[in-house]
Amino acid sequence: MDKRASVLILWGKVCAEDNITAYETLFHTLNQRLIHFCVLYVHQVEVAEEIVSDVFVKCWQNRKAMCNILNLETYLFVAVKNHSLNYLKKYSNLHFIPVEDTNEFELVNVSDPQKQLEIKELAFKMDQAILTLPLQARLIFRLIKEDGMKYKEVAEILNISPRTVQTQLYRSVKKLSAIFCDYQRKAGTKSKAIASLVIIAGAVQVFFYFL
């Protein structure tokens, strides 16, 4: 039996039986490879160990929703990569923001506590909205939005066509946009503007970056 088949069997036991022994075997089988991979991004073993551990914990917590993942190894490596990139972004408050109608960029400090509070509120609203999506659509949206995966990667992991991923994602964005339009009507002017930016940015990211 090859490694991929072995991992798939173990993952099936984790999802279907809540088998902690199978989960621990998966962890010990893939942990060191994932840590070595993560170090290429974060350059710190301790940080890499924490990131990989967090990814495995997330897999255990969400195992019932992730039972359709057929290539766990691919999922884990992509998830670790994107968690590593998120870690690097998290500890840098300075970002280059494109200046409208120019080819220039402005260095902006995004550590404003008020902005962070508003972003956290919107993130909570987004999570609540995502929970209203059907299971497969919710999984596809989270793999792309939270784990930074592309159409082909999600299609491979879920064993579906890239076109199905695209269709499900389109429907999800359409539904979430409708939910946020209602939220915008109830929100004040300031929050309404920020929510609009979130929807627009999310739509652009989904339909152009992940093609």
N, C-alpha and C. Protein backbone atom coordinates (compact mmCIF):
# COMPACT_ATOMS: atom_id res chain seq x y z
N MET A 1 0.84 -1.20 0.00
CA MET A 1 0.00 0.00 0.00
C MET A 1 0.87 1.25 0.00
N ASP A 2 0.60 2.20 -0.93
CA ASP A 2 1.43 3.40 -0.97
C ASP A 2 1.01 4.37 0.13
N LYS A 3 1.85 5.39 0.33
CA LYS A 3 1.66 6.32 1.43
C LYS A 3 0.33 7.07 1.31
N ARG A 4 -0.01 7.50 0.09
CA ARG A 4 -1.25 8.26 -0.09
C ARG A 4 -2.46 7.45 0.32
N ALA A 5 -2.48 6.17 -0.07
CA ALA A 5 -3.60 5.30 0.29
C ALA A 5 -3.65 5.10 1.80
N SER A 6 -2.47 4.95 2.41
CA SER A 6 -2.41 4.77 3.86
C SER A 6 -2.93 5.99 4.60
N VAL A 7 -2.53 7.17 4.13
CA VAL A 7 -3.00 8.42 4.73
C VAL A 7 -4.51 8.55 4.57
N LEU A 8 -5.02 8.18 3.41
CA LEU A 8 -6.45 8.27 3.14
C LEU A 8 -7.24 7.36 4.08
N ILE A 9 -6.73 6.16 4.32
CA ILE A 9 -7.40 5.22 5.22
C ILE A 9 -7.42 5.78 6.64
N LEU A 10 -6.28 6.31 7.07
CA LEU A 10 -6.21 6.89 8.42
C LEU A 10 -7.16 8.07 8.55
N TRP A 11 -7.19 8.92 7.53
CA TRP A 11 -8.06 10.08 7.57
C TRP A 11 -9.54 9.66 7.59
N GLY A 12 -9.86 8.59 6.86
CA GLY A 12 -11.22 8.08 6.88
C GLY A 12 -11.64 7.64 8.28
N LYS A 13 -10.72 7.02 9.01
CA LYS A 13 -11.01 6.59 10.38
C LYS A 13 -11.18 7.79 11.30
N VAL A 14 -10.38 8.82 11.07
CA VAL A 14 -10.51 10.04 11.88
C VAL A 14 -11.88 10.66 11.69
N CYS A 15 -12.31 10.77 10.43
CA CYS A 15 -13.58 11.44 10.12
C CYS A 15 -14.79 10.60 10.52
N ALA A 16 -14.74 9.31 10.19
CA ALA A 16 -15.92 8.46 10.38
C ALA A 16 -16.05 7.93 11.81
N GLU A 17 -14.88 7.70 12.45
CA GLU A 17 -14.90 7.02 13.75
C GLU A 17 -14.39 7.88 14.90
N ASP A 18 -13.97 9.12 14.59
CA ASP A 18 -13.32 9.97 15.61
C ASP A 18 -12.16 9.23 16.27
N ASN A 19 -11.41 8.51 15.42
CA ASN A 19 -10.34 7.63 15.91
C ASN A 19 -9.10 8.45 16.26
N ILE A 20 -8.85 8.62 17.55
CA ILE A 20 -7.73 9.44 18.00
C ILE A 20 -6.39 8.76 17.70
N THR A 21 -6.36 7.44 17.68
CA THR A 21 -5.12 6.72 17.37
C THR A 21 -4.72 6.95 15.92
N ALA A 22 -5.69 6.92 15.01
CA ALA A 22 -5.43 7.19 13.59
C ALA A 22 -4.95 8.64 13.42
N TYR A 23 -5.56 9.55 14.17
CA TYR A 23 -5.16 10.95 14.12
C TYR A 23 -3.71 11.12 14.57
N GLU A 24 -3.35 10.49 15.67
CA GLU A 24 -1.98 10.58 16.18
C GLU A 24 -0.99 9.96 15.20
N THR A 25 -1.39 8.88 14.53
CA THR A 25 -0.51 8.25 13.54
C THR A 25 -0.29 9.19 12.35
N LEU A 26 -1.35 9.85 11.92
CA LEU A 26 -1.23 10.85 10.84
C LEU A 26 -0.26 11.96 11.26
N PHE A 27 -0.43 12.42 12.48
CA PHE A 27 0.42 13.50 12.98
C PHE A 27 1.89 13.09 12.95
N HIS A 28 2.20 11.93 13.48
CA HIS A 28 3.59 11.48 13.53
C HIS A 28 4.14 11.14 12.15
N THR A 29 3.28 10.76 11.22
CA THR A 29 3.71 10.43 9.87
C THR A 29 4.11 11.68 9.09
N LEU A 30 3.36 12.77 9.27
CA LEU A 30 3.55 13.96 8.42
C LEU A 30 4.15 15.16 9.15
N ASN A 31 4.20 15.12 10.45
CA ASN A 31 4.58 16.29 11.24
C ASN A 31 5.94 16.87 10.86
N GLN A 32 6.99 16.05 10.85
CA GLN A 32 8.34 16.56 10.60
C GLN A 32 8.50 17.12 9.20
N ARG A 33 7.90 16.47 8.22
CA ARG A 33 7.97 16.99 6.84
C ARG A 33 7.30 18.35 6.74
N LEU A 34 6.18 18.49 7.42
CA LEU A 34 5.46 19.77 7.38
C LEU A 34 6.23 20.86 8.11
N ILE A 35 6.88 20.51 9.21
CA ILE A 35 7.68 21.48 9.95
C ILE A 35 8.86 21.95 9.09
N HIS A 36 9.55 21.02 8.47
CA HIS A 36 10.69 21.40 7.60
C HIS A 36 10.23 22.30 6.46
N PHE A 37 9.07 22.00 5.93
CA PHE A 37 8.49 22.81 4.86
C PHE A 37 8.15 24.21 5.37
N CYS A 38 7.56 24.27 6.54
CA CYS A 38 7.15 25.55 7.13
C CYS A 38 8.34 26.45 7.44
N VAL A 39 9.43 25.85 7.88
CA VAL A 39 10.64 26.61 8.22
C VAL A 39 11.17 27.38 7.01
N LEU A 40 10.92 26.87 5.81
CA LEU A 40 11.35 27.57 4.60
C LEU A 40 10.70 28.95 4.50
N TYR A 41 9.55 29.12 5.12
CA TYR A 41 8.84 30.40 5.09
C TYR A 41 9.13 31.26 6.32
N VAL A 42 8.99 30.67 7.51
CA VAL A 42 9.07 31.47 8.74
C VAL A 42 10.46 31.52 9.36
N HIS A 43 11.34 30.59 8.95
CA HIS A 43 12.74 30.59 9.38
C HIS A 43 12.93 30.41 10.89
N GLN A 44 11.94 29.89 11.57
CA GLN A 44 12.04 29.63 13.01
C GLN A 44 11.36 28.29 13.31
N VAL A 45 12.12 27.36 13.88
CA VAL A 45 11.59 26.03 14.13
C VAL A 45 10.41 26.08 15.10
N GLU A 46 10.54 26.89 16.16
CA GLU A 46 9.48 26.96 17.18
C GLU A 46 8.17 27.47 16.55
N VAL A 47 8.28 28.49 15.72
CA VAL A 47 7.09 29.03 15.06
C VAL A 47 6.50 27.99 14.11
N ALA A 48 7.37 27.31 13.37
CA ALA A 48 6.91 26.28 12.43
C ALA A 48 6.17 25.16 13.16
N GLU A 49 6.70 24.75 14.29
CA GLU A 49 6.05 23.69 15.08
C GLU A 49 4.66 24.13 15.53
N GLU A 50 4.54 25.40 15.92
CA GLU A 50 3.24 25.92 16.37
C GLU A 50 2.25 25.99 15.22
N ILE A 51 2.71 26.44 14.05
CA ILE A 51 1.83 26.54 12.88
C ILE A 51 1.33 25.16 12.47
N VAL A 52 2.23 24.20 12.38
CA VAL A 52 1.85 22.84 11.97
C VAL A 52 0.88 22.24 12.98
N SER A 53 1.16 22.47 14.26
CA SER A 53 0.27 21.97 15.31
C SER A 53 -1.12 22.58 15.18
N ASP A 54 -1.18 23.88 14.90
CA ASP A 54 -2.47 24.55 14.74
C ASP A 54 -3.25 23.98 13.56
N VAL A 55 -2.54 23.67 12.47
CA VAL A 55 -3.20 23.09 11.29
C VAL A 55 -3.79 21.72 11.63
N PHE A 56 -3.03 20.91 12.36
CA PHE A 56 -3.53 19.59 12.74
C PHE A 56 -4.73 19.70 13.68
N VAL A 57 -4.66 20.63 14.63
CA VAL A 57 -5.77 20.83 15.56
C VAL A 57 -7.03 21.24 14.78
N LYS A 58 -6.85 22.13 13.81
CA LYS A 58 -7.99 22.56 12.98
C LYS A 58 -8.59 21.37 12.24
N CYS A 59 -7.73 20.49 11.75
CA CYS A 59 -8.22 19.29 11.04
C CYS A 59 -9.07 18.42 11.97
N TRP A 60 -8.63 18.26 13.20
CA TRP A 60 -9.38 17.44 14.15
C TRP A 60 -10.71 18.10 14.49
N GLN A 61 -10.68 19.40 14.73
CA GLN A 61 -11.90 20.12 15.11
C GLN A 61 -12.93 20.13 13.99
N ASN A 62 -12.46 20.19 12.74
CA ASN A 62 -13.36 20.29 11.59
C ASN A 62 -13.47 18.99 10.81
N ARG A 63 -13.12 17.87 11.43
CA ARG A 63 -13.03 16.59 10.71
C ARG A 63 -14.34 16.18 10.05
N LYS A 64 -15.47 16.48 10.69
CA LYS A 64 -16.76 16.07 10.11
C LYS A 64 -17.06 16.85 8.84
N ALA A 65 -16.67 18.12 8.83
CA ALA A 65 -16.92 18.95 7.64
C ALA A 65 -15.91 18.68 6.54
N MET A 66 -14.77 18.03 6.90
CA MET A 66 -13.69 17.82 5.94
C MET A 66 -13.61 16.37 5.46
N CYS A 67 -14.67 15.62 5.67
CA CYS A 67 -14.62 14.19 5.31
C CYS A 67 -14.50 13.95 3.82
N ASN A 68 -14.82 14.97 3.00
CA ASN A 68 -14.73 14.81 1.54
C ASN A 68 -13.33 15.05 0.99
N ILE A 69 -12.42 15.46 1.84
CA ILE A 69 -11.05 15.69 1.38
C ILE A 69 -10.38 14.34 1.10
N LEU A 70 -9.98 14.15 -0.15
CA LEU A 70 -9.42 12.86 -0.57
C LEU A 70 -7.90 12.91 -0.72
N ASN A 71 -7.31 14.07 -0.64
CA ASN A 71 -5.85 14.17 -0.69
C ASN A 71 -5.41 15.03 0.49
N LEU A 72 -5.38 14.42 1.66
CA LEU A 72 -5.08 15.15 2.89
C LEU A 72 -3.68 15.74 2.87
N GLU A 73 -2.74 15.00 2.30
CA GLU A 73 -1.35 15.47 2.29
C GLU A 73 -1.23 16.80 1.53
N THR A 74 -1.88 16.87 0.36
CA THR A 74 -1.88 18.12 -0.41
C THR A 74 -2.52 19.24 0.41
N TYR A 75 -3.65 18.93 1.02
CA TYR A 75 -4.35 19.92 1.84
C TYR A 75 -3.44 20.46 2.94
N LEU A 76 -2.76 19.58 3.65
CA LEU A 76 -1.93 19.99 4.78
C LEU A 76 -0.77 20.88 4.34
N PHE A 77 -0.11 20.52 3.24
CA PHE A 77 1.02 21.32 2.78
C PHE A 77 0.56 22.71 2.33
N VAL A 78 -0.56 22.77 1.62
CA VAL A 78 -1.07 24.07 1.18
C VAL A 78 -1.53 24.89 2.38
N ALA A 79 -2.18 24.25 3.34
CA ALA A 79 -2.65 24.95 4.54
C ALA A 79 -1.48 25.49 5.34
N VAL A 80 -0.43 24.70 5.50
CA VAL A 80 0.76 25.14 6.23
C VAL A 80 1.42 26.32 5.51
N LYS A 81 1.49 26.24 4.20
CA LYS A 81 2.07 27.35 3.43
C LYS A 81 1.30 28.63 3.68
N ASN A 82 0.00 28.56 3.60
CA ASN A 82 -0.80 29.78 3.73
C ASN A 82 -0.87 30.28 5.16
N HIS A 83 -0.86 29.39 6.14
CA HIS A 83 -0.76 29.82 7.53
C HIS A 83 0.58 30.51 7.78
N SER A 84 1.62 30.02 7.12
CA SER A 84 2.95 30.64 7.26
C SER A 84 2.94 32.06 6.69
N LEU A 85 2.33 32.22 5.52
CA LEU A 85 2.24 33.55 4.91
C LEU A 85 1.38 34.48 5.76
N ASN A 86 0.31 33.95 6.33
CA ASN A 86 -0.53 34.76 7.21
C ASN A 86 0.24 35.19 8.46
N TYR A 87 1.08 34.30 8.96
CA TYR A 87 1.90 34.63 10.13
C TYR A 87 2.84 35.79 9.81
N LEU A 88 3.46 35.73 8.64
CA LEU A 88 4.39 36.80 8.25
C LEU A 88 3.65 38.13 8.10
N LYS A 89 2.44 38.08 7.56
CA LYS A 89 1.66 39.31 7.40
C LYS A 89 1.20 39.85 8.75
N LYS A 90 0.84 38.95 9.64
CA LYS A 90 0.29 39.34 10.94
C LYS A 90 1.26 40.19 11.74
N TYR A 91 2.54 39.88 11.60
CA TYR A 91 3.54 40.59 12.40
C TYR A 91 4.19 41.73 11.64
N SER A 92 3.50 42.19 10.63
CA SER A 92 3.95 43.40 9.94
C SER A 92 2.75 44.32 9.79
N ASN A 93 2.79 45.47 10.47
CA ASN A 93 1.70 46.44 10.41
C ASN A 93 1.81 47.36 9.21
N LEU A 94 2.93 47.32 8.51
CA LEU A 94 3.14 48.20 7.38
C LEU A 94 2.88 47.44 6.08
N HIS A 95 2.01 48.00 5.25
CA HIS A 95 1.66 47.36 3.99
C HIS A 95 1.67 48.38 2.87
N PHE A 96 2.06 47.90 1.68
CA PHE A 96 2.01 48.77 0.51
C PHE A 96 0.62 48.70 -0.10
N ILE A 97 -0.06 49.87 -0.16
CA ILE A 97 -1.42 49.96 -0.67
C ILE A 97 -1.39 50.74 -1.98
N PRO A 98 -1.99 50.22 -3.07
CA PRO A 98 -2.00 50.96 -4.34
C PRO A 98 -2.79 52.26 -4.22
N VAL A 99 -2.23 53.33 -4.76
CA VAL A 99 -2.90 54.62 -4.78
C VAL A 99 -3.84 54.67 -5.97
N GLU A 100 -5.09 55.06 -5.73
CA GLU A 100 -6.12 55.03 -6.77
C GLU A 100 -5.72 55.88 -7.98
N ASP A 101 -5.94 55.33 -9.17
CA ASP A 101 -5.72 56.03 -10.45
C ASP A 101 -4.25 56.36 -10.70
N THR A 102 -3.34 55.66 -10.03
CA THR A 102 -1.90 55.87 -10.28
C THR A 102 -1.23 54.51 -10.29
N ASN A 103 0.05 54.51 -10.66
CA ASN A 103 0.84 53.28 -10.62
C ASN A 103 1.73 53.25 -9.38
N GLU A 104 1.43 54.11 -8.41
CA GLU A 104 2.26 54.24 -7.22
C GLU A 104 1.64 53.50 -6.04
N PHE A 105 2.47 53.26 -5.01
CA PHE A 105 2.01 52.59 -3.80
C PHE A 105 2.36 53.46 -2.59
N GLU A 106 1.48 53.42 -1.60
CA GLU A 106 1.67 54.19 -0.38
C GLU A 106 1.90 53.23 0.78
N LEU A 107 2.89 53.53 1.63
CA LEU A 107 3.17 52.69 2.79
C LEU A 107 2.21 53.10 3.91
N VAL A 108 1.35 52.17 4.35
CA VAL A 108 0.30 52.49 5.31
C VAL A 108 0.44 51.62 6.55
N ASN A 109 0.30 52.26 7.72
CA ASN A 109 0.29 51.53 8.99
C ASN A 109 -1.15 51.12 9.30
N VAL A 110 -1.39 49.81 9.38
CA VAL A 110 -2.75 49.32 9.58
C VAL A 110 -2.99 48.86 11.02
N SER A 111 -2.23 49.41 11.95
CA SER A 111 -2.34 49.00 13.34
C SER A 111 -3.38 49.82 14.11
N ASP A 112 -4.15 50.66 13.43
CA ASP A 112 -5.17 51.49 14.05
C ASP A 112 -6.16 50.59 14.81
N PRO A 113 -6.28 50.75 16.14
CA PRO A 113 -7.16 49.89 16.95
C PRO A 113 -8.62 49.94 16.49
N GLN A 114 -9.11 51.12 16.09
CA GLN A 114 -10.49 51.24 15.63
C GLN A 114 -10.73 50.42 14.38
N LYS A 115 -9.75 50.47 13.44
CA LYS A 115 -9.87 49.69 12.21
C LYS A 115 -9.85 48.19 12.53
N GLN A 116 -8.98 47.80 13.47
CA GLN A 116 -8.90 46.40 13.84
C GLN A 116 -10.21 45.91 14.44
N LEU A 117 -10.84 46.76 15.27
CA LEU A 117 -12.12 46.41 15.87
C LEU A 117 -13.19 46.22 14.81
N GLU A 118 -13.23 47.14 13.84
CA GLU A 118 -14.22 47.05 12.77
C GLU A 118 -13.99 45.81 11.91
N ILE A 119 -12.72 45.50 11.67
CA ILE A 119 -12.39 44.32 10.87
C ILE A 119 -12.81 43.05 11.60
N LYS A 120 -12.59 43.02 12.93
CA LYS A 120 -13.00 41.85 13.71
C LYS A 120 -14.52 41.67 13.67
N GLU A 121 -15.25 42.78 13.74
CA GLU A 121 -16.71 42.71 13.67
C GLU A 121 -17.16 42.15 12.34
N LEU A 122 -16.52 42.61 11.26
CA LEU A 122 -16.88 42.13 9.93
C LEU A 122 -16.51 40.65 9.75
N ALA A 123 -15.38 40.27 10.35
CA ALA A 123 -14.96 38.87 10.27
C ALA A 123 -15.98 37.96 10.96
N PHE A 124 -16.50 38.43 12.10
CA PHE A 124 -17.53 37.66 12.81
C PHE A 124 -18.80 37.54 11.96
N LYS A 125 -19.22 38.67 11.35
CA LYS A 125 -20.39 38.66 10.49
C LYS A 125 -20.18 37.70 9.31
N MET A 126 -18.97 37.71 8.75
CA MET A 126 -18.67 36.82 7.63
C MET A 126 -18.76 35.36 8.05
N ASP A 127 -18.19 35.02 9.21
CA ASP A 127 -18.25 33.63 9.69
C ASP A 127 -19.69 33.18 9.88
N GLN A 128 -20.53 34.05 10.43
CA GLN A 128 -21.94 33.71 10.62
C GLN A 128 -22.63 33.49 9.28
N ALA A 129 -22.28 34.31 8.30
CA ALA A 129 -22.88 34.18 6.97
C ALA A 129 -22.43 32.89 6.29
N ILE A 130 -21.17 32.53 6.44
CA ILE A 130 -20.63 31.32 5.82
C ILE A 130 -21.35 30.08 6.34
N LEU A 131 -21.74 30.10 7.61
CA LEU A 131 -22.44 28.95 8.20
C LEU A 131 -23.79 28.68 7.55
N THR A 132 -24.32 29.66 6.81
CA THR A 132 -25.61 29.47 6.13
C THR A 132 -25.45 28.75 4.79
N LEU A 133 -24.22 28.58 4.32
CA LEU A 133 -23.99 27.92 3.03
C LEU A 133 -24.13 26.41 3.16
N PRO A 134 -24.51 25.71 2.07
CA PRO A 134 -24.50 24.24 2.09
C PRO A 134 -23.10 23.71 2.40
N LEU A 135 -23.02 22.47 2.88
CA LEU A 135 -21.76 21.91 3.38
C LEU A 135 -20.63 22.00 2.36
N GLN A 136 -20.86 21.50 1.13
CA GLN A 136 -19.78 21.50 0.14
C GLN A 136 -19.38 22.92 -0.23
N ALA A 137 -20.36 23.79 -0.39
CA ALA A 137 -20.07 25.18 -0.72
C ALA A 137 -19.28 25.85 0.40
N ARG A 138 -19.65 25.55 1.63
CA ARG A 138 -18.95 26.12 2.80
C ARG A 138 -17.50 25.65 2.84
N LEU A 139 -17.30 24.36 2.55
CA LEU A 139 -15.95 23.82 2.56
C LEU A 139 -15.11 24.45 1.46
N ILE A 140 -15.67 24.57 0.26
CA ILE A 140 -14.95 25.18 -0.86
C ILE A 140 -14.58 26.63 -0.53
N PHE A 141 -15.54 27.37 0.01
CA PHE A 141 -15.29 28.77 0.34
C PHE A 141 -14.18 28.90 1.38
N ARG A 142 -14.20 28.05 2.40
CA ARG A 142 -13.19 28.15 3.45
C ARG A 142 -11.81 27.73 2.94
N LEU A 143 -11.76 26.70 2.09
CA LEU A 143 -10.47 26.27 1.54
C LEU A 143 -9.83 27.39 0.74
N ILE A 144 -10.66 28.16 0.03
CA ILE A 144 -10.12 29.25 -0.78
C ILE A 144 -9.90 30.50 0.05
N LYS A 145 -10.88 30.89 0.86
CA LYS A 145 -10.80 32.14 1.62
C LYS A 145 -9.80 32.03 2.76
N GLU A 146 -9.89 30.95 3.54
CA GLU A 146 -9.07 30.85 4.75
C GLU A 146 -7.72 30.19 4.50
N ASP A 147 -7.70 29.20 3.61
CA ASP A 147 -6.46 28.46 3.38
C ASP A 147 -5.73 28.89 2.11
N GLY A 148 -6.32 29.85 1.38
CA GLY A 148 -5.62 30.42 0.23
C GLY A 148 -5.41 29.49 -0.94
N MET A 149 -6.24 28.47 -1.07
CA MET A 149 -6.05 27.51 -2.15
C MET A 149 -6.64 28.01 -3.47
N LYS A 150 -6.19 27.40 -4.55
CA LYS A 150 -6.68 27.74 -5.88
C LYS A 150 -7.69 26.68 -6.34
N TYR A 151 -8.39 27.01 -7.42
CA TYR A 151 -9.42 26.11 -7.93
C TYR A 151 -8.90 24.68 -8.10
N LYS A 152 -7.76 24.54 -8.76
CA LYS A 152 -7.25 23.21 -9.08
C LYS A 152 -6.90 22.43 -7.82
N GLU A 153 -6.36 23.12 -6.82
CA GLU A 153 -6.00 22.46 -5.57
C GLU A 153 -7.25 21.97 -4.84
N VAL A 154 -8.27 22.81 -4.78
CA VAL A 154 -9.52 22.43 -4.12
C VAL A 154 -10.18 21.28 -4.88
N ALA A 155 -10.17 21.35 -6.20
CA ALA A 155 -10.76 20.29 -7.02
C ALA A 155 -10.07 18.95 -6.76
N GLU A 156 -8.75 18.98 -6.65
CA GLU A 156 -7.99 17.75 -6.40
C GLU A 156 -8.30 17.19 -5.02
N ILE A 157 -8.35 18.07 -4.03
CA ILE A 157 -8.60 17.64 -2.65
C ILE A 157 -9.99 17.03 -2.50
N LEU A 158 -10.99 17.63 -3.14
CA LEU A 158 -12.37 17.17 -3.00
C LEU A 158 -12.79 16.19 -4.08
N ASN A 159 -11.88 15.94 -5.03
CA ASN A 159 -12.16 15.01 -6.13
C ASN A 159 -13.38 15.45 -6.94
N ILE A 160 -13.42 16.75 -7.26
CA ILE A 160 -14.45 17.30 -8.12
C ILE A 160 -13.77 18.13 -9.21
N SER A 161 -14.53 18.58 -10.19
CA SER A 161 -13.93 19.32 -11.29
C SER A 161 -13.70 20.78 -10.89
N PRO A 162 -12.67 21.44 -11.47
CA PRO A 162 -12.46 22.87 -11.21
C PRO A 162 -13.69 23.70 -11.56
N ARG A 163 -14.46 23.27 -12.58
CA ARG A 163 -15.67 24.00 -12.96
C ARG A 163 -16.71 23.94 -11.83
N THR A 164 -16.80 22.79 -11.16
CA THR A 164 -17.72 22.68 -10.03
C THR A 164 -17.29 23.60 -8.90
N VAL A 165 -15.99 23.66 -8.66
CA VAL A 165 -15.47 24.57 -7.64
C VAL A 165 -15.85 26.01 -7.98
N GLN A 166 -15.64 26.38 -9.22
CA GLN A 166 -15.94 27.75 -9.67
C GLN A 166 -17.43 28.07 -9.52
N THR A 167 -18.28 27.12 -9.92
CA THR A 167 -19.73 27.33 -9.84
C THR A 167 -20.18 27.48 -8.39
N GLN A 168 -19.70 26.59 -7.53
CA GLN A 168 -20.07 26.65 -6.11
C GLN A 168 -19.59 27.95 -5.49
N LEU A 169 -18.40 28.38 -5.87
CA LEU A 169 -17.84 29.60 -5.32
C LEU A 169 -18.64 30.82 -5.77
N TYR A 170 -19.03 30.82 -7.03
CA TYR A 170 -19.85 31.91 -7.57
C TYR A 170 -21.17 32.03 -6.79
N ARG A 171 -21.81 30.89 -6.56
CA ARG A 171 -23.08 30.90 -5.83
C ARG A 171 -22.88 31.37 -4.39
N SER A 172 -21.76 30.95 -3.78
CA SER A 172 -21.48 31.34 -2.40
C SER A 172 -21.26 32.84 -2.29
N VAL A 173 -20.47 33.39 -3.20
CA VAL A 173 -20.19 34.83 -3.18
C VAL A 173 -21.47 35.62 -3.41
N LYS A 174 -22.33 35.13 -4.32
CA LYS A 174 -23.59 35.79 -4.60
C LYS A 174 -24.48 35.81 -3.35
N LYS A 175 -24.55 34.69 -2.64
CA LYS A 175 -25.37 34.61 -1.44
C LYS A 175 -24.80 35.48 -0.33
N LEU A 176 -23.47 35.42 -0.14
CA LEU A 176 -22.84 36.22 0.91
C LEU A 176 -22.98 37.71 0.63
N SER A 177 -22.89 38.07 -0.65
CA SER A 177 -23.06 39.48 -1.02
C SER A 177 -24.45 39.96 -0.66
N ALA A 178 -25.46 39.11 -0.87
CA ALA A 178 -26.84 39.48 -0.54
C ALA A 178 -26.98 39.67 0.97
N ILE A 179 -26.34 38.78 1.73
CA ILE A 179 -26.39 38.89 3.19
C ILE A 179 -25.74 40.18 3.66
N PHE A 180 -24.60 40.51 3.06
CA PHE A 180 -23.89 41.71 3.48
C PHE A 180 -24.58 42.99 3.00
N CYS A 181 -25.32 42.91 1.91
CA CYS A 181 -26.10 44.07 1.47
C CYS A 181 -27.15 44.41 2.53
N ASP A 182 -27.75 43.36 3.09
CA ASP A 182 -28.72 43.57 4.15
C ASP A 182 -28.04 44.15 5.38
N TYR A 183 -26.83 43.65 5.68
CA TYR A 183 -26.07 44.17 6.81
C TYR A 183 -25.70 45.63 6.61
N GLN A 184 -25.34 45.98 5.38
CA GLN A 184 -24.99 47.36 5.06
C GLN A 184 -26.17 48.30 5.29
N ARG A 185 -27.38 47.85 4.95
CA ARG A 185 -28.56 48.71 5.11
C ARG A 185 -28.82 49.01 6.58
N LYS A 186 -28.46 48.05 7.44
CA LYS A 186 -28.70 48.22 8.87
C LYS A 186 -27.54 48.93 9.57
N ALA A 187 -26.37 48.94 8.93
CA ALA A 187 -25.17 49.51 9.55
C ALA A 187 -25.09 51.01 9.31
N GLY A 188 -24.24 51.66 10.08
CA GLY A 188 -24.01 53.09 9.89
C GLY A 188 -23.19 53.34 8.65
N THR A 189 -23.00 54.61 8.30
CA THR A 189 -22.29 54.99 7.08
C THR A 189 -20.87 54.46 7.08
N LYS A 190 -20.20 54.58 8.24
CA LYS A 190 -18.79 54.19 8.31
C LYS A 190 -18.63 52.69 8.09
N SER A 191 -19.42 51.90 8.84
CA SER A 191 -19.35 50.44 8.70
C SER A 191 -19.80 50.00 7.32
N LYS A 192 -20.76 50.73 6.78
CA LYS A 192 -21.27 50.40 5.44
C LYS A 192 -20.17 50.51 4.40
N ALA A 193 -19.36 51.54 4.51
CA ALA A 193 -18.28 51.74 3.54
C ALA A 193 -17.25 50.62 3.66
N ILE A 194 -16.91 50.27 4.90
CA ILE A 194 -15.92 49.21 5.11
C ILE A 194 -16.45 47.87 4.62
N ALA A 195 -17.72 47.58 4.92
CA ALA A 195 -18.32 46.32 4.47
C ALA A 195 -18.31 46.22 2.96
N SER A 196 -18.57 47.34 2.29
CA SER A 196 -18.54 47.37 0.83
C SER A 196 -17.16 47.02 0.32
N LEU A 197 -16.14 47.56 0.96
CA LEU A 197 -14.77 47.27 0.55
C LEU A 197 -14.44 45.80 0.74
N VAL A 198 -14.94 45.22 1.84
CA VAL A 198 -14.69 43.80 2.09
C VAL A 198 -15.30 42.94 1.01
N ILE A 199 -16.55 43.22 0.64
CA ILE A 199 -17.23 42.44 -0.39
C ILE A 199 -16.52 42.57 -1.72
N ILE A 200 -16.17 43.81 -2.09
CA ILE A 200 -15.51 44.04 -3.37
C ILE A 200 -14.15 43.34 -3.40
N ALA A 201 -13.38 43.51 -2.33
CA ALA A 201 -12.04 42.90 -2.27
C ALA A 201 -12.14 41.38 -2.33
N GLY A 202 -13.13 40.82 -1.61
CA GLY A 202 -13.30 39.38 -1.62
C GLY A 202 -13.68 38.86 -2.98
N ALA A 203 -14.57 39.56 -3.65
CA ALA A 203 -15.01 39.13 -4.98
C ALA A 203 -13.86 39.19 -5.97
N VAL A 204 -13.09 40.25 -5.93
CA VAL A 204 -11.94 40.39 -6.84
C VAL A 204 -10.94 39.27 -6.59
N GLN A 205 -10.66 39.00 -5.31
CA GLN A 205 -9.71 37.96 -4.98
C GLN A 205 -10.18 36.60 -5.48
N VAL A 206 -11.46 36.32 -5.26
CA VAL A 206 -12.00 35.02 -5.65
C VAL A 206 -11.96 34.82 -7.15
N PHE A 207 -12.40 35.81 -7.92
CA PHE A 207 -12.64 35.59 -9.33
C PHE A 207 -11.45 35.93 -10.23
N PHE A 208 -10.40 36.53 -9.68
CA PHE A 208 -9.26 36.83 -10.52
C PHE A 208 -7.98 36.15 -10.02
N TYR A 209 -7.71 36.27 -8.74
CA TYR A 209 -6.46 35.72 -8.23
C TYR A 209 -6.43 34.21 -8.26
N PHE A 210 -7.59 33.58 -8.02
CA PHE A 210 -7.60 32.14 -7.91
C PHE A 210 -7.94 31.40 -9.18
N LEU A 211 -7.99 32.11 -10.30
CA LEU A 211 -8.23 31.45 -11.59
C LEU A 211 -7.07 30.54 -11.96
